[in-house]
Protein backbone atom coordinates (compact mmCIF):
# COMPACT_ATOMS: atom_id res chain seq x y z
CA MET A 1 -61.20 -11.74 -28.79
CA SER A 2 -60.20 -15.24 -27.76
CA THR A 3 -56.72 -16.64 -28.28
CA GLN A 4 -58.07 -19.27 -30.70
CA ILE A 5 -59.68 -16.63 -32.87
CA ALA A 6 -56.49 -14.57 -32.77
CA TRP A 7 -54.45 -17.57 -33.97
CA ALA A 8 -56.93 -18.20 -36.78
CA MET A 9 -56.57 -14.54 -37.75
CA VAL A 10 -52.78 -14.91 -37.84
CA GLY A 11 -53.23 -17.78 -40.30
CA ILE A 12 -55.58 -15.77 -42.48
CA ALA A 13 -53.27 -12.75 -42.32
CA GLY A 14 -50.37 -14.99 -43.39
CA ILE A 15 -52.34 -16.33 -46.36
CA LEU A 16 -53.21 -12.76 -47.34
CA GLU A 17 -49.51 -11.93 -47.13
CA VAL A 18 -48.82 -14.67 -49.66
CA CYS A 19 -51.55 -13.20 -51.88
CA TRP A 20 -50.14 -9.69 -51.85
CA ALA A 21 -46.56 -10.88 -52.27
CA ILE A 22 -47.50 -12.93 -55.32
CA GLY A 23 -49.78 -10.13 -56.49
CA LEU A 24 -46.76 -7.85 -56.68
CA LYS A 25 -45.46 -9.99 -59.54
CA TYR A 26 -48.64 -9.38 -61.51
CA THR A 27 -48.83 -5.62 -60.91
CA GLU A 28 -45.80 -5.01 -63.14
CA GLY A 29 -44.63 -2.18 -60.91
CA PHE A 30 -48.20 -1.11 -60.10
CA THR A 31 -48.87 -0.34 -63.76
CA LYS A 32 -51.75 -2.85 -64.05
CA LEU A 33 -54.90 -1.69 -62.30
CA VAL A 34 -56.71 -4.91 -61.31
CA PRO A 35 -53.66 -6.75 -59.92
CA SER A 36 -52.61 -3.53 -58.14
CA ILE A 37 -56.00 -3.16 -56.47
CA PHE A 38 -55.97 -6.85 -55.46
CA THR A 39 -52.46 -6.49 -54.02
CA VAL A 40 -53.24 -3.35 -52.02
CA ILE A 41 -56.47 -4.83 -50.62
CA CYS A 42 -54.69 -8.03 -49.56
CA LEU A 43 -51.89 -5.99 -48.01
CA ALA A 44 -54.29 -3.78 -46.05
CA LEU A 45 -56.37 -6.74 -44.81
CA SER A 46 -53.25 -8.68 -43.85
CA MET A 47 -51.87 -5.74 -41.85
CA TYR A 48 -55.24 -5.10 -40.21
CA LEU A 49 -55.53 -8.73 -39.06
CA LEU A 50 -51.92 -8.70 -37.85
CA ALA A 51 -52.62 -5.56 -35.82
CA ARG A 52 -55.74 -7.10 -34.28
CA CYS A 53 -53.94 -10.36 -33.41
CA SER A 54 -51.08 -8.53 -31.77
CA GLN A 55 -53.52 -7.10 -29.22
CA VAL A 56 -53.99 -10.62 -27.82
CA LEU A 57 -50.88 -12.58 -28.79
CA PRO A 58 -47.17 -11.89 -28.15
CA ILE A 59 -45.99 -9.59 -30.94
CA GLY A 60 -42.67 -11.36 -31.57
CA THR A 61 -44.36 -14.71 -32.02
CA THR A 62 -47.27 -13.27 -33.99
CA TYR A 63 -45.03 -11.33 -36.35
CA GLY A 64 -42.60 -14.24 -36.76
CA ILE A 65 -45.39 -16.64 -37.70
CA TRP A 66 -47.02 -14.09 -40.03
CA VAL A 67 -43.75 -13.45 -41.86
CA GLY A 68 -42.97 -17.17 -41.89
CA ILE A 69 -46.31 -18.08 -43.45
CA GLY A 70 -45.80 -15.38 -46.06
CA ALA A 71 -42.26 -16.45 -46.91
CA PHE A 72 -43.13 -20.17 -46.95
CA GLY A 73 -46.25 -19.62 -49.05
CA ALA A 74 -44.57 -17.24 -51.49
CA ALA A 75 -41.71 -19.70 -51.98
CA ILE A 76 -44.08 -22.60 -52.66
CA VAL A 77 -46.33 -20.57 -54.98
CA GLY A 78 -43.22 -19.24 -56.76
CA ILE A 79 -42.11 -22.80 -57.45
CA ILE A 80 -45.56 -23.77 -58.73
CA LEU A 81 -46.51 -20.68 -60.74
CA PHE A 82 -43.22 -19.10 -61.75
CA ASN A 83 -40.94 -22.10 -62.07
CA ASP A 84 -38.69 -20.82 -59.28
CA SER A 85 -35.88 -23.13 -58.26
CA ALA A 86 -36.87 -26.30 -56.43
CA SER A 87 -33.36 -27.49 -55.73
CA PRO A 88 -32.92 -29.91 -52.85
CA ALA A 89 -31.15 -27.25 -50.78
CA ARG A 90 -33.96 -24.75 -51.36
CA ILE A 91 -36.64 -27.31 -50.47
CA PHE A 92 -34.67 -28.20 -47.33
CA PHE A 93 -34.68 -24.58 -46.17
CA ILE A 94 -38.35 -24.10 -47.06
CA VAL A 95 -39.15 -27.15 -44.90
CA LEU A 96 -36.91 -25.74 -42.18
CA LEU A 97 -38.94 -22.53 -42.35
CA LEU A 98 -42.14 -24.55 -41.89
CA VAL A 99 -40.61 -26.32 -38.88
CA SER A 100 -39.70 -22.91 -37.43
CA ILE A 101 -43.26 -21.61 -37.89
CA ILE A 102 -44.67 -24.67 -36.15
CA GLY A 103 -42.06 -24.38 -33.39
CA LEU A 104 -42.95 -20.73 -32.75
CA LYS A 105 -46.63 -21.63 -32.49
CA LEU A 106 -46.02 -24.59 -30.19
CA THR A 107 -43.84 -22.56 -27.83
CA ALA A 108 -46.10 -19.48 -27.73
CA GLU A 109 -47.24 -18.49 -24.25
């Protein structure tokens, strides 16, 4: 697998992490079947892609970016869908998280 494909897979894995994290909200403690199945499938695919990427890319960078995408995406989706706080301080730290994700990618070996 090429490095470019591995980076694309990290991005997809991160998006899937957002999906399963948000899906948890809809499972109501895994008592609702369809959201639970969606969440588990997204979780499994996200982990699989992360495992594949880590064969090619540095694990610390790969994991950091994967977690960062998930945290950034979940925070943004939480603001949009669940009316989570969008205070200036929170937005500042969400943007700081995005800067950190970009910084990790730009400094990857």
